[in-house]
PDB file of N, CA and C in Angstrom:
ATOM      1  N   MET A   1      44.168 -49.955 -30.685  1.00  0.00           N
ATOM      2  CA  MET A   1      44.953 -48.905 -30.076  1.00  0.00           C
ATOM      3  C   MET A   1      45.888 -49.546 -29.050  1.00  0.00           C
ATOM      4  N   ASP A   2      47.106 -49.029 -28.986  1.00  0.00           N
ATOM      5  CA  ASP A   2      48.111 -49.540 -28.056  1.00  0.00           C
ATOM      6  C   ASP A   2      48.354 -48.546 -26.924  1.00  0.00           C
ATOM      7  N   ILE A   3      48.894 -49.055 -25.839  1.00  0.00           N
ATOM      8  CA  ILE A   3      49.368 -48.219 -24.734  1.00  0.00           C
ATOM      9  C   ILE A   3      50.879 -48.417 -24.676  1.00  0.00           C
ATOM     10  N   THR A   4      51.616 -47.323 -24.633  1.00  0.00           N
ATOM     11  CA  THR A   4      53.072 -47.422 -24.564  1.00  0.00           C
ATOM     12  C   THR A   4      53.511 -47.542 -23.112  1.00  0.00           C
ATOM     13  N   LEU A   5      54.739 -47.960 -22.934  1.00  0.00           N
ATOM     14  CA  LEU A   5      55.292 -48.079 -21.591  1.00  0.00           C
ATOM     15  C   LEU A   5      55.318 -46.710 -20.899  1.00  0.00           C
ATOM     16  N   ALA A   6      55.681 -45.675 -21.651  1.00  0.00           N
ATOM     17  CA  ALA A   6      55.708 -44.323 -21.081  1.00  0.00           C
ATOM     18  C   ALA A   6      54.311 -43.869 -20.647  1.00  0.00           C
ATOM     19  N   GLU A   7      53.303 -44.170 -21.469  1.00  0.00           N
ATOM     20  CA  GLU A   7      51.923 -43.809 -21.097  1.00  0.00           C
ATOM     21  C   GLU A   7      51.480 -44.586 -19.867  1.00  0.00           C
ATOM     22  N   LEU A   8      51.856 -45.841 -19.799  1.00  0.00           N
ATOM     23  CA  LEU A   8      51.502 -46.649 -18.642  1.00  0.00           C
ATOM     24  C   LEU A   8      52.141 -46.082 -17.377  1.00  0.00           C
ATOM     25  N   GLU A   9      53.376 -45.631 -17.469  1.00  0.00           N
ATOM     26  CA  GLU A   9      54.036 -44.995 -16.329  1.00  0.00           C
ATOM     27  C   GLU A   9      53.276 -43.749 -15.892  1.00  0.00           C
ATOM     28  N   GLN A  10      52.823 -42.953 -16.858  1.00  0.00           N
ATOM     29  CA  GLN A  10      52.050 -41.751 -16.534  1.00  0.00           C
ATOM     30  C   GLN A  10      50.743 -42.112 -15.844  1.00  0.00           C
ATOM     31  N   ALA A  11      50.087 -43.154 -16.331  1.00  0.00           N
ATOM     32  CA  ALA A  11      48.829 -43.587 -15.723  1.00  0.00           C
ATOM     33  C   ALA A  11      49.067 -44.091 -14.297  1.00  0.00           C
ATOM     34  N   ILE A  12      50.133 -44.838 -14.097  1.00  0.00           N
ATOM     35  CA  ILE A  12      50.461 -45.320 -12.746  1.00  0.00           C
ATOM     36  C   ILE A  12      50.693 -44.135 -11.818  1.00  0.00           C
ATOM     37  N   ASN A  13      51.452 -43.146 -12.274  1.00  0.00           N
ATOM     38  CA  ASN A  13      51.711 -41.963 -11.443  1.00  0.00           C
ATOM     39  C   ASN A  13      50.427 -41.194 -11.143  1.00  0.00           C
ATOM     40  N   HIS A  14      49.543 -41.133 -12.105  1.00  0.00           N
ATOM     41  CA  HIS A  14      48.236 -40.483 -11.903  1.00  0.00           C
ATOM     42  C   HIS A  14      47.471 -41.187 -10.775  1.00  0.00           C
ATOM     43  N   TRP A  15      47.379 -42.516 -10.874  1.00  0.00           N
ATOM     44  CA  TRP A  15      46.638 -43.262  -9.856  1.00  0.00           C
ATOM     45  C   TRP A  15      47.356 -43.251  -8.512  1.00  0.00           C
ATOM     46  N   ARG A  16      48.691 -43.196  -8.524  1.00  0.00           N
ATOM     47  CA  ARG A  16      49.428 -43.106  -7.255  1.00  0.00           C
ATOM     48  C   ARG A  16      49.115 -41.781  -6.562  1.00  0.00           C
ATOM     49  N   ALA A  17      48.952 -40.721  -7.336  1.00  0.00           N
ATOM     50  CA  ALA A  17      48.617 -39.419  -6.751  1.00  0.00           C
ATOM     51  C   ALA A  17      47.197 -39.428  -6.177  1.00  0.00           C
ATOM     52  N   LEU A  18      46.282 -40.090  -6.892  1.00  0.00           N
ATOM     53  CA  LEU A  18      44.898 -40.155  -6.424  1.00  0.00           C
ATOM     54  C   LEU A  18      44.720 -41.130  -5.268  1.00  0.00           C
ATOM     55  N   ARG A  19      45.432 -42.235  -5.325  1.00  0.00           N
ATOM     56  CA  ARG A  19      45.301 -43.301  -4.326  1.00  0.00           C
ATOM     57  C   ARG A  19      46.691 -43.723  -3.839  1.00  0.00           C
ATOM     58  N   PRO A  20      47.322 -42.902  -2.982  1.00  0.00           N
ATOM     59  CA  PRO A  20      48.688 -43.214  -2.541  1.00  0.00           C
ATOM     60  C   PRO A  20      48.746 -44.484  -1.687  1.00  0.00           C
ATOM     61  N   SER A  21      49.959 -45.001  -1.574  1.00  0.00           N
ATOM     62  CA  SER A  21      50.196 -46.163  -0.721  1.00  0.00           C
ATOM     63  C   SER A  21      49.781 -45.812   0.699  1.00  0.00           C
ATOM     64  N   GLN A  22      49.271 -46.826   1.406  1.00  0.00           N
ATOM     65  CA  GLN A  22      48.798 -46.582   2.765  1.00  0.00           C
ATOM     66  C   GLN A  22      49.300 -47.659   3.702  1.00  0.00           C
ATOM     67  N   GLY A  23      49.204 -47.340   4.974  1.00  0.00           N
ATOM     68  CA  GLY A  23      49.564 -48.305   5.992  1.00  0.00           C
ATOM     69  C   GLY A  23      51.062 -48.359   6.224  1.00  0.00           C
ATOM     70  N   GLU A  24      51.416 -49.038   7.267  1.00  0.00           N
ATOM     71  CA  GLU A  24      52.818 -49.178   7.626  1.00  0.00           C
ATOM     72  C   GLU A  24      53.609 -49.919   6.553  1.00  0.00           C
ATOM     73  N   GLU A  25      52.961 -50.863   5.881  1.00  0.00           N
ATOM     74  CA  GLU A  25      53.641 -51.649   4.851  1.00  0.00           C
ATOM     75  C   GLU A  25      53.709 -50.916   3.509  1.00  0.00           C
ATOM     76  N   ARG A  26      53.035 -49.743   3.402  1.00  0.00           N
ATOM     77  CA  ARG A  26      53.014 -48.930   2.189  1.00  0.00           C
ATOM     78  C   ARG A  26      52.525 -49.730   0.986  1.00  0.00           C
ATOM     79  N   ALA A  27      51.459 -50.468   1.189  1.00  0.00           N
ATOM     80  CA  ALA A  27      50.879 -51.304   0.132  1.00  0.00           C
ATOM     81  C   ALA A  27      50.314 -50.438  -0.988  1.00  0.00           C
ATOM     82  N   LEU A  28      50.438 -50.933  -2.216  1.00  0.00           N
ATOM     83  CA  LEU A  28      49.868 -50.247  -3.368  1.00  0.00           C
ATOM     84  C   LEU A  28      48.350 -50.276  -3.298  1.00  0.00           C
ATOM     85  N   SER A  29      47.732 -49.236  -3.820  1.00  0.00           N
ATOM     86  CA  SER A  29      46.278 -49.232  -3.932  1.00  0.00           C
ATOM     87  C   SER A  29      45.879 -50.284  -4.961  1.00  0.00           C
ATOM     88  N   PRO A  30      44.628 -50.735  -4.928  1.00  0.00           N
ATOM     89  CA  PRO A  30      44.185 -51.733  -5.923  1.00  0.00           C
ATOM     90  C   PRO A  30      44.363 -51.247  -7.360  1.00  0.00           C
ATOM     91  N   GLU A  31      44.138 -49.961  -7.594  1.00  0.00           N
ATOM     92  CA  GLU A  31      44.272 -49.414  -8.940  1.00  0.00           C
ATOM     93  C   GLU A  31      45.726 -49.486  -9.426  1.00  0.00           C
ATOM     94  N   VAL A  32      46.629 -49.057  -8.574  1.00  0.00           N
ATOM     95  CA  VAL A  32      48.047 -49.073  -8.940  1.00  0.00           C
ATOM     96  C   VAL A  32      48.537 -50.510  -9.090  1.00  0.00           C
ATOM     97  N   ASP A  33      48.060 -51.383  -8.256  1.00  0.00           N
ATOM     98  CA  ASP A  33      48.461 -52.785  -8.320  1.00  0.00           C
ATOM     99  C   ASP A  33      48.091 -53.408  -9.668  1.00  0.00           C
ATOM    100  N   VAL A  34      46.899 -53.115 -10.156  1.00  0.00           N
ATOM    101  CA  VAL A  34      46.458 -53.651 -11.457  1.00  0.00           C
ATOM    102  C   VAL A  34      47.378 -53.160 -12.571  1.00  0.00           C
ATOM    103  N   LEU A  35      47.670 -51.867 -12.563  1.00  0.00           N
ATOM    104  CA  LEU A  35      48.521 -51.313 -13.618  1.00  0.00           C
ATOM    105  C   LEU A  35      49.979 -51.747 -13.458  1.00  0.00           C
ATOM    106  N   ALA A  36      50.434 -51.911 -12.233  1.00  0.00           N
ATOM    107  CA  ALA A  36      51.809 -52.352 -11.998  1.00  0.00           C
ATOM    108  C   ALA A  36      52.033 -53.769 -12.527  1.00  0.00           C
ATOM    109  N   GLU A  37      51.007 -54.587 -12.474  1.00  0.00           N
ATOM    110  CA  GLU A  37      51.128 -55.939 -13.017  1.00  0.00           C
ATOM    111  C   GLU A  37      51.329 -55.892 -14.531  1.00  0.00           C
ATOM    112  N   VAL A  38      50.588 -55.044 -15.214  1.00  0.00           N
ATOM    113  CA  VAL A  38      50.754 -54.878 -16.657  1.00  0.00           C
ATOM    114  C   VAL A  38      52.161 -54.346 -16.947  1.00  0.00           C
ATOM    115  N   TYR A  39      52.597 -53.379 -16.165  1.00  0.00           N
ATOM    116  CA  TYR A  39      53.928 -52.790 -16.320  1.00  0.00           C
ATOM    117  C   TYR A  39      55.011 -53.858 -16.173  1.00  0.00           C
ATOM    118  N   ALA A  40      54.889 -54.699 -15.167  1.00  0.00           N
ATOM    119  CA  ALA A  40      55.877 -55.752 -14.924  1.00  0.00           C
ATOM    120  C   ALA A  40      55.953 -56.720 -16.106  1.00  0.00           C
ATOM    121  N   VAL A  41      54.806 -57.087 -16.652  1.00  0.00           N
ATOM    122  CA  VAL A  41      54.788 -58.002 -17.805  1.00  0.00           C
ATOM    123  C   VAL A  41      55.460 -57.337 -19.001  1.00  0.00           C
ATOM    124  N   MET A  42      55.173 -56.066 -19.226  1.00  0.00           N
ATOM    125  CA  MET A  42      55.784 -55.365 -20.353  1.00  0.00           C
ATOM    126  C   MET A  42      57.302 -55.299 -20.195  1.00  0.00           C
ATOM    127  N   ILE A  43      57.768 -55.007 -18.994  1.00  0.00           N
ATOM    128  CA  ILE A  43      59.208 -54.948 -18.749  1.00  0.00           C
ATOM    129  C   ILE A  43      59.823 -56.321 -18.988  1.00  0.00           C
ATOM    130  N   TYR A  44      59.206 -57.351 -18.455  1.00  0.00           N
ATOM    131  CA  TYR A  44      59.724 -58.712 -18.594  1.00  0.00           C
ATOM    132  C   TYR A  44      59.806 -59.131 -20.062  1.00  0.00           C
ATOM    133  N   GLN A  45      58.817 -58.737 -20.831  1.00  0.00           N
ATOM    134  CA  GLN A  45      58.760 -59.117 -22.246  1.00  0.00           C
ATOM    135  C   GLN A  45      59.497 -58.123 -23.158  1.00  0.00           C
ATOM    136  N   HIS A  46      60.081 -57.092 -22.578  1.00  0.00           N
ATOM    137  CA  HIS A  46      60.771 -56.044 -23.343  1.00  0.00           C
ATOM    138  C   HIS A  46      59.827 -55.387 -24.351  1.00  0.00           C
ATOM    139  N   ALA A  47      58.569 -55.245 -23.973  1.00  0.00           N
ATOM    140  CA  ALA A  47      57.560 -54.645 -24.857  1.00  0.00           C
ATOM    141  C   ALA A  47      57.553 -53.128 -24.683  1.00  0.00           C
ATOM    142  N   LYS A  48      57.543 -52.418 -25.796  1.00  0.00           N
ATOM    143  CA  LYS A  48      57.463 -50.956 -25.752  1.00  0.00           C
ATOM    144  C   LYS A  48      56.016 -50.482 -25.758  1.00  0.00           C
ATOM    145  N   SER A  49      55.117 -51.356 -26.225  1.00  0.00           N
ATOM    146  CA  SER A  49      53.687 -51.055 -26.216  1.00  0.00           C
ATOM    147  C   SER A  49      52.926 -52.371 -26.181  1.00  0.00           C
ATOM    148  N   ILE A  50      51.635 -52.247 -25.872  1.00  0.00           N
ATOM    149  CA  ILE A  50      50.776 -53.427 -25.800  1.00  0.00           C
ATOM    150  C   ILE A  50      49.373 -53.005 -26.240  1.00  0.00           C
ATOM    151  N   PRO A  51      48.669 -53.849 -26.986  1.00  0.00           N
ATOM    152  CA  PRO A  51      47.307 -53.499 -27.402  1.00  0.00           C
ATOM    153  C   PRO A  51      46.375 -53.402 -26.185  1.00  0.00           C
ATOM    154  N   LEU A  52      45.553 -52.376 -26.172  1.00  0.00           N
ATOM    155  CA  LEU A  52      44.608 -52.210 -25.064  1.00  0.00           C
ATOM    156  C   LEU A  52      43.678 -53.407 -24.936  1.00  0.00           C
ATOM    157  N   ASP A  53      43.273 -53.971 -26.051  1.00  0.00           N
ATOM    158  CA  ASP A  53      42.338 -55.098 -25.968  1.00  0.00           C
ATOM    159  C   ASP A  53      42.993 -56.379 -25.453  1.00  0.00           C
ATOM    160  N   ALA A  54      44.314 -56.376 -25.277  1.00  0.00           N
ATOM    161  CA  ALA A  54      45.013 -57.525 -24.693  1.00  0.00           C
ATOM    162  C   ALA A  54      45.089 -57.429 -23.166  1.00  0.00           C
ATOM    163  N   LEU A  55      44.641 -56.301 -22.626  1.00  0.00           N
ATOM    164  CA  LEU A  55      44.721 -56.076 -21.178  1.00  0.00           C
ATOM    165  C   LEU A  55      43.476 -56.591 -20.468  1.00  0.00           C
ATOM    166  N   PRO A  56      43.619 -56.891 -19.183  1.00  0.00           N
ATOM    167  CA  PRO A  56      42.433 -57.256 -18.401  1.00  0.00           C
ATOM    168  C   PRO A  56      41.451 -56.076 -18.364  1.00  0.00           C
ATOM    169  N   PRO A  57      40.167 -56.354 -18.246  1.00  0.00           N
ATOM    170  CA  PRO A  57      39.163 -55.271 -18.233  1.00  0.00           C
ATOM    171  C   PRO A  57      39.439 -54.193 -17.184  1.00  0.00           C
ATOM    172  N   ALA A  58      39.877 -54.578 -16.006  1.00  0.00           N
ATOM    173  CA  ALA A  58      40.135 -53.584 -14.952  1.00  0.00           C
ATOM    174  C   ALA A  58      41.235 -52.618 -15.377  1.00  0.00           C
ATOM    175  N   ALA A  59      42.280 -53.124 -16.003  1.00  0.00           N
ATOM    176  CA  ALA A  59      43.370 -52.265 -16.463  1.00  0.00           C
ATOM    177  C   ALA A  59      42.892 -51.329 -17.565  1.00  0.00           C
ATOM    178  N   ARG A  60      42.088 -51.842 -18.482  1.00  0.00           N
ATOM    179  CA  ARG A  60      41.538 -50.993 -19.557  1.00  0.00           C
ATOM    180  C   ARG A  60      40.706 -49.858 -18.992  1.00  0.00           C
ATOM    181  N   GLN A  61      39.868 -50.170 -18.008  1.00  0.00           N
ATOM    182  CA  GLN A  61      39.025 -49.136 -17.398  1.00  0.00           C
ATOM    183  C   GLN A  61      39.868 -48.061 -16.723  1.00  0.00           C
ATOM    184  N   LEU A  62      40.901 -48.469 -16.002  1.00  0.00           N
ATOM    185  CA  LEU A  62      41.773 -47.504 -15.341  1.00  0.00           C
ATOM    186  C   LEU A  62      42.501 -46.624 -16.352  1.00  0.00           C
ATOM    187  N   LEU A  63      42.963 -47.220 -17.439  1.00  0.00           N
ATOM    188  CA  LEU A  63      43.653 -46.445 -18.468  1.00  0.00           C
ATOM    189  C   LEU A  63      42.703 -45.501 -19.186  1.00  0.00           C
ATOM    190  N   GLU A  64      41.488 -45.942 -19.454  1.00  0.00           N
ATOM    191  CA  GLU A  64      40.502 -45.067 -20.088  1.00  0.00           C
ATOM    192  C   GLU A  64      40.168 -43.885 -19.183  1.00  0.00           C
ATOM    193  N   SER A  65      40.027 -44.134 -17.905  1.00  0.00           N
ATOM    194  CA  SER A  65      39.756 -43.062 -16.953  1.00  0.00           C
ATOM    195  C   SER A  65      40.917 -42.076 -16.901  1.00  0.00           C
ATOM    196  N   TRP A  66      42.135 -42.600 -16.888  1.00  0.00           N
ATOM    197  CA  TRP A  66      43.321 -41.740 -16.884  1.00  0.00           C
ATOM    198  C   TRP A  66      43.361 -40.880 -18.149  1.00  0.00           C
ATOM    199  N   ARG A  67      43.107 -41.493 -19.306  1.00  0.00           N
ATOM    200  CA  ARG A  67      43.158 -40.743 -20.561  1.00  0.00           C
ATOM    201  C   ARG A  67      42.116 -39.629 -20.588  1.00  0.00           C
ATOM    202  N   LYS A  68      40.941 -39.873 -20.067  1.00  0.00           N
ATOM    203  CA  LYS A  68      39.908 -38.829 -20.008  1.00  0.00           C
ATOM    204  C   LYS A  68      40.371 -37.687 -19.125  1.00  0.00           C
ATOM    205  N   HIS A  69      41.009 -38.015 -18.025  1.00  0.00           N
ATOM    206  CA  HIS A  69      41.483 -37.000 -17.089  1.00  0.00           C
ATOM    207  C   HIS A  69      42.660 -36.218 -17.688  1.00  0.00           C
ATOM    208  N   ALA A  70      43.529 -36.903 -18.434  1.00  0.00           N
ATOM    209  CA  ALA A  70      44.723 -36.272 -18.997  1.00  0.00           C
ATOM    210  C   ALA A  70      44.396 -35.402 -20.203  1.00  0.00           C
ATOM    211  N   ALA A  71      43.257 -35.646 -20.833  1.00  0.00           N
ATOM    212  CA  ALA A  71      42.910 -34.902 -22.065  1.00  0.00           C
ATOM    213  C   ALA A  71      42.505 -33.477 -21.798  1.00  0.00           C
TER     214      ALA A  71
END
Protein backbone atom coordinates (compact mmCIF):
# COMPACT_ATOMS: atom_id res chain seq x y z
CA MET A 1 0.00 0.00 0.00
CA ASP A 2 1.23 3.49 -0.85
CA ILE A 3 0.72 6.88 0.77
CA THR A 4 0.20 9.79 -1.61
CA LEU A 5 1.60 13.26 -1.14
CA ALA A 6 -1.93 14.61 -0.64
CA GLU A 7 -2.65 12.00 2.05
CA LEU A 8 0.61 12.81 3.76
CA GLU A 9 -0.36 16.50 3.81
CA GLN A 10 -3.68 15.56 5.42
CA ALA A 11 -1.90 13.46 8.03
CA ILE A 12 0.51 16.30 8.80
CA ASN A 13 -2.41 18.71 9.23
CA HIS A 14 -4.15 16.20 11.50
CA TRP A 15 -1.10 15.92 13.75
CA ARG A 16 -0.53 19.69 13.65
CA ALA A 17 -4.07 20.15 14.99
CA LEU A 18 -3.50 17.58 17.74
CA ARG A 19 0.04 18.69 18.58
CA PRO A 20 0.53 22.33 17.49
CA SER A 21 3.88 24.07 17.39
CA GLN A 22 4.95 25.35 20.78
CA GLY A 23 7.37 27.74 22.33
CA GLU A 24 8.75 31.00 21.11
CA GLU A 25 10.62 29.25 18.29
CA ARG A 26 7.37 27.52 17.16
CA ALA A 27 9.12 24.16 16.93
CA LEU A 28 7.28 21.28 15.28
CA SER A 29 5.97 18.53 17.51
CA PRO A 30 7.86 15.22 17.28
CA GLU A 31 4.96 13.68 15.35
CA VAL A 32 4.85 16.44 12.75
CA ASP A 33 8.62 16.45 12.48
CA VAL A 34 8.68 12.74 11.57
CA LEU A 35 6.06 13.20 8.86
CA ALA A 36 7.61 16.44 7.59
CA GLU A 37 10.85 14.58 6.94
CA VAL A 38 9.02 12.06 4.75
CA TYR A 39 7.24 14.95 3.01
CA ALA A 40 10.54 16.72 2.30
CA VAL A 41 12.05 13.57 0.77
CA MET A 42 9.00 13.06 -1.43
CA ILE A 43 9.13 16.66 -2.64
CA TYR A 44 12.86 16.42 -3.32
CA GLN A 45 12.43 13.19 -5.27
CA HIS A 46 9.31 14.47 -7.10
CA ALA A 47 7.44 11.42 -5.77
CA LYS A 48 3.64 11.45 -5.92
CA SER A 49 3.42 8.43 -3.62
CA ILE A 50 5.66 6.18 -1.56
CA PRO A 51 5.19 2.61 -0.27
CA LEU A 52 4.27 2.51 3.41
CA ASP A 53 6.76 -0.27 4.03
CA ALA A 54 9.56 2.04 2.79
CA LEU A 55 8.88 4.48 5.64
CA PRO A 56 10.49 4.50 9.07
CA PRO A 57 8.40 2.66 11.69
CA ALA A 58 7.51 5.88 13.52
CA ALA A 59 6.09 7.42 10.34
CA ARG A 60 4.08 4.27 9.58
CA GLN A 61 2.58 4.29 13.07
CA LEU A 62 1.59 7.94 12.79
CA LEU A 63 0.00 7.37 9.39
CA GLU A 64 -1.87 4.30 10.60
CA SER A 65 -3.20 6.26 13.56
CA TRP A 66 -4.27 9.10 11.27
CA ARG A 67 -6.04 6.69 8.90
CA LYS A 68 -7.97 5.11 11.78
CA HIS A 69 -9.04 8.55 12.94
CA ALA A 70 -9.97 9.71 9.42
CA ALA A 71 -12.07 6.61 8.67
